[in-house]
């Protein structure tokens, strides 16, 4: 018995099994026609394509959302450990909030809060 025989048998089993599964899929599935997808979110037909570009004014809004989202993401666990850690946890949280506030102040200066 050659040392390559088990590898060749395994390769044959895997290849045969893959071909059998592809054949079974082709035998069981129906024709491949695109689905007739209608509106799903509000009952209205979409006005533009799904891959259309967004106006640049939405990117600062997204950055503000992410800033406040990160704030809440880190504040909830912080509340649980602040009494155990002590003053250093309070200082670190105020440093974190200061960095977030700097980001919000920058967005404010750039006009992200003007909606018109």
C-alpha atoms as a PDB file:
ATOM      1  CA  UNK A   1       0.000   0.000   0.000  1.00  0.00           C
ATOM      2  CA  UNK A   2       1.430   3.322  -1.048  1.00  0.00           C
ATOM      3  CA  UNK A   3       1.469   6.241   1.362  1.00  0.00           C
ATOM      4  CA  UNK A   4      -0.403   8.340  -1.195  1.00  0.00           C
ATOM      5  CA  UNK A   5      -3.346   5.943  -1.563  1.00  0.00           C
ATOM      6  CA  UNK A   6      -5.366   7.272   1.427  1.00  0.00           C
ATOM      7  CA  UNK A   7      -4.933  10.821   0.167  1.00  0.00           C
ATOM      8  CA  UNK A   8      -6.089   9.861  -3.333  1.00  0.00           C
ATOM      9  CA  UNK A   9      -9.080   7.976  -1.904  1.00  0.00           C
ATOM     10  CA  UNK A  10     -10.018  10.992   0.222  1.00  0.00           C
ATOM     11  CA  UNK A  11      -9.658  13.295  -2.792  1.00  0.00           C
ATOM     12  CA  UNK A  12     -11.881  10.983  -4.823  1.00  0.00           C
ATOM     13  CA  UNK A  13     -14.542  10.861  -2.083  1.00  0.00           C
ATOM     14  CA  UNK A  14     -14.563  14.645  -1.716  1.00  0.00           C
ATOM     15  CA  UNK A  15     -14.736  15.198  -5.481  1.00  0.00           C
ATOM     16  CA  UNK A  16     -17.480  12.602  -5.916  1.00  0.00           C
ATOM     17  CA  UNK A  17     -19.470  14.007  -3.004  1.00  0.00           C
ATOM     18  CA  UNK A  18     -19.182  17.556  -4.351  1.00  0.00           C
ATOM     19  CA  UNK A  19     -20.323  16.476  -7.804  1.00  0.00           C
ATOM     20  CA  UNK A  20     -23.201  14.516  -6.273  1.00  0.00           C
ATOM     21  CA  UNK A  21     -24.332  17.545  -4.261  1.00  0.00           C
ATOM     22  CA  UNK A  22     -24.174  19.832  -7.305  1.00  0.00           C
ATOM     23  CA  UNK A  23     -26.166  17.295  -9.304  1.00  0.00           C
ATOM     24  CA  UNK A  24     -28.747  16.979  -6.516  1.00  0.00           C
ATOM     25  CA  UNK A  25     -29.089  20.756  -6.351  1.00  0.00           C
ATOM     26  CA  UNK A  26     -29.575  21.014 -10.116  1.00  0.00           C
ATOM     27  CA  UNK A  27     -32.174  18.255 -10.005  1.00  0.00           C
ATOM     28  CA  UNK A  28     -34.157  19.711  -7.060  1.00  0.00           C
ATOM     29  CA  UNK A  29     -34.136  23.428  -7.809  1.00  0.00           C
ATOM     30  CA  UNK A  30     -36.405  25.250 -10.190  1.00  0.00           C
ATOM     31  CA  UNK A  31     -35.366  27.599 -12.966  1.00  0.00           C
ATOM     32  CA  UNK A  32     -33.156  30.502 -11.982  1.00  0.00           C
ATOM     33  CA  UNK A  33     -35.301  33.524 -12.714  1.00  0.00           C
ATOM     34  CA  UNK A  34     -35.062  36.776 -10.773  1.00  0.00           C
ATOM     35  CA  UNK A  35     -37.638  37.360  -8.074  1.00  0.00           C
ATOM     36  CA  UNK A  36     -40.254  40.018  -8.544  1.00  0.00           C
ATOM     37  CA  UNK A  37     -39.387  42.095  -5.492  1.00  0.00           C
ATOM     38  CA  UNK A  38     -41.899  44.728  -4.491  1.00  0.00           C
ATOM     39  CA  UNK A  39     -41.754  47.418  -1.833  1.00  0.00           C
ATOM     40  CA  UNK A  40     -40.999  46.189   1.654  1.00  0.00           C
ATOM     41  CA  UNK A  41     -40.353  49.067   4.004  1.00  0.00           C
ATOM     42  CA  UNK A  42     -43.147  51.550   3.719  1.00  0.00           C
ATOM     43  CA  UNK A  43     -45.381  50.174   1.038  1.00  0.00           C
ATOM     44  CA  UNK A  44     -44.132  52.669  -1.532  1.00  0.00           C
ATOM     45  CA  UNK A  45     -42.006  51.905  -4.546  1.00  0.00           C
ATOM     46  CA  UNK A  46     -38.403  53.094  -4.204  1.00  0.00           C
ATOM     47  CA  UNK A  47     -37.647  56.409  -5.868  1.00  0.00           C
ATOM     48  CA  UNK A  48     -33.980  55.664  -6.570  1.00  0.00           C
ATOM     49  CA  UNK A  49     -31.656  52.710  -6.928  1.00  0.00           C
ATOM     50  CA  UNK A  50     -30.304  50.999  -3.824  1.00  0.00           C
ATOM     51  CA  UNK A  51     -26.715  51.800  -4.789  1.00  0.00           C
ATOM     52  CA  UNK A  52     -27.364  55.497  -5.334  1.00  0.00           C
ATOM     53  CA  UNK A  53     -25.049  57.951  -3.631  1.00  0.00           C
ATOM     54  CA  UNK A  54     -25.977  59.975  -0.601  1.00  0.00           C
ATOM     55  CA  UNK A  55     -25.548  63.711  -0.439  1.00  0.00           C
ATOM     56  CA  UNK A  56     -22.388  64.774   1.347  1.00  0.00           C
ATOM     57  CA  UNK A  57     -24.385  66.604   4.053  1.00  0.00           C
ATOM     58  CA  UNK A  58     -25.350  63.255   5.609  1.00  0.00           C
ATOM     59  CA  UNK A  59     -21.783  62.286   6.481  1.00  0.00           C
ATOM     60  CA  UNK A  60     -21.389  64.841   9.317  1.00  0.00           C
ATOM     61  CA  UNK A  61     -24.748  63.672  10.691  1.00  0.00           C
ATOM     62  CA  UNK A  62     -23.398  60.140  10.658  1.00  0.00           C
ATOM     63  CA  UNK A  63     -20.257  61.208  12.491  1.00  0.00           C
ATOM     64  CA  UNK A  64     -22.310  62.943  15.187  1.00  0.00           C
ATOM     65  CA  UNK A  65     -24.446  59.839  15.589  1.00  0.00           C
ATOM     66  CA  UNK A  66     -21.333  57.697  15.948  1.00  0.00           C
ATOM     67  CA  UNK A  67     -19.889  60.070  18.541  1.00  0.00           C
ATOM     68  CA  UNK A  68     -22.989  59.845  20.720  1.00  0.00           C
ATOM     69  CA  UNK A  69     -23.283  56.127  20.056  1.00  0.00           C
ATOM     70  CA  UNK A  70     -19.718  55.529  21.257  1.00  0.00           C
ATOM     71  CA  UNK A  71     -20.430  57.650  24.302  1.00  0.00           C
ATOM     72  CA  UNK A  72     -23.341  55.448  25.326  1.00  0.00           C
ATOM     73  CA  UNK A  73     -21.462  52.274  24.431  1.00  0.00           C
ATOM     74  CA  UNK A  74     -18.687  53.092  26.889  1.00  0.00           C
ATOM     75  CA  UNK A  75     -20.773  54.790  29.588  1.00  0.00           C
ATOM     76  CA  UNK A  76     -22.969  51.803  30.443  1.00  0.00           C
ATOM     77  CA  UNK A  77     -20.100  49.484  31.477  1.00  0.00           C
ATOM     78  CA  UNK A  78     -18.314  52.426  33.085  1.00  0.00           C
ATOM     79  CA  UNK A  79     -21.254  52.960  35.455  1.00  0.00           C
ATOM     80  CA  UNK A  80     -20.879  49.386  36.672  1.00  0.00           C
ATOM     81  CA  UNK A  81     -17.164  49.703  37.546  1.00  0.00           C
ATOM     82  CA  UNK A  82     -16.766  53.357  38.554  1.00  0.00           C
ATOM     83  CA  UNK A  83     -17.402  52.656  42.243  1.00  0.00           C
ATOM     84  CA  UNK A  84     -14.789  49.875  42.277  1.00  0.00           C
ATOM     85  CA  UNK A  85     -12.089  51.722  40.328  1.00  0.00           C
ATOM     86  CA  UNK A  86     -12.533  55.159  41.901  1.00  0.00           C
ATOM     87  CA  UNK A  87     -11.176  58.532  40.870  1.00  0.00           C
ATOM     88  CA  UNK A  88      -9.122  57.308  37.938  1.00  0.00           C
ATOM     89  CA  UNK A  89     -12.267  55.990  36.237  1.00  0.00           C
ATOM     90  CA  UNK A  90     -13.937  59.393  36.615  1.00  0.00           C
ATOM     91  CA  UNK A  91     -10.897  61.180  35.189  1.00  0.00           C
ATOM     92  CA  UNK A  92     -10.720  58.757  32.255  1.00  0.00           C
ATOM     93  CA  UNK A  93     -14.424  59.192  31.491  1.00  0.00           C
ATOM     94  CA  UNK A  94     -14.172  62.975  31.538  1.00  0.00           C
ATOM     95  CA  UNK A  95     -11.147  62.746  29.237  1.00  0.00           C
ATOM     96  CA  UNK A  96     -13.161  60.505  26.893  1.00  0.00           C
ATOM     97  CA  UNK A  97     -16.133  62.875  27.005  1.00  0.00           C
ATOM     98  CA  UNK A  98     -13.799  65.800  26.306  1.00  0.00           C
ATOM     99  CA  UNK A  99     -12.520  64.098  23.165  1.00  0.00           C
ATOM    100  CA  UNK A 100     -16.093  63.405  22.047  1.00  0.00           C
ATOM    101  CA  UNK A 101     -17.093  66.977  22.805  1.00  0.00           C
ATOM    102  CA  UNK A 102     -14.176  68.201  20.682  1.00  0.00           C
ATOM    103  CA  UNK A 103     -15.519  66.105  17.807  1.00  0.00           C
ATOM    104  CA  UNK A 104     -19.035  67.480  18.263  1.00  0.00           C
ATOM    105  CA  UNK A 105     -17.683  71.035  18.491  1.00  0.00           C
ATOM    106  CA  UNK A 106     -15.797  70.490  15.239  1.00  0.00           C
ATOM    107  CA  UNK A 107     -18.957  69.161  13.582  1.00  0.00           C
ATOM    108  CA  UNK A 108     -20.898  72.155  14.901  1.00  0.00           C
ATOM    109  CA  UNK A 109     -18.281  74.519  13.520  1.00  0.00           C
ATOM    110  CA  UNK A 110     -18.452  72.781  10.135  1.00  0.00           C
ATOM    111  CA  UNK A 111     -22.238  73.229  10.057  1.00  0.00           C
ATOM    112  CA  UNK A 112     -23.424  69.694  10.733  1.00  0.00           C
ATOM    113  CA  UNK A 113     -26.302  70.991  12.875  1.00  0.00           C
ATOM    114  CA  UNK A 114     -27.671  73.279  10.153  1.00  0.00           C
ATOM    115  CA  UNK A 115     -30.452  71.358   8.482  1.00  0.00           C
ATOM    116  CA  UNK A 116     -31.284  73.770   5.693  1.00  0.00           C
END
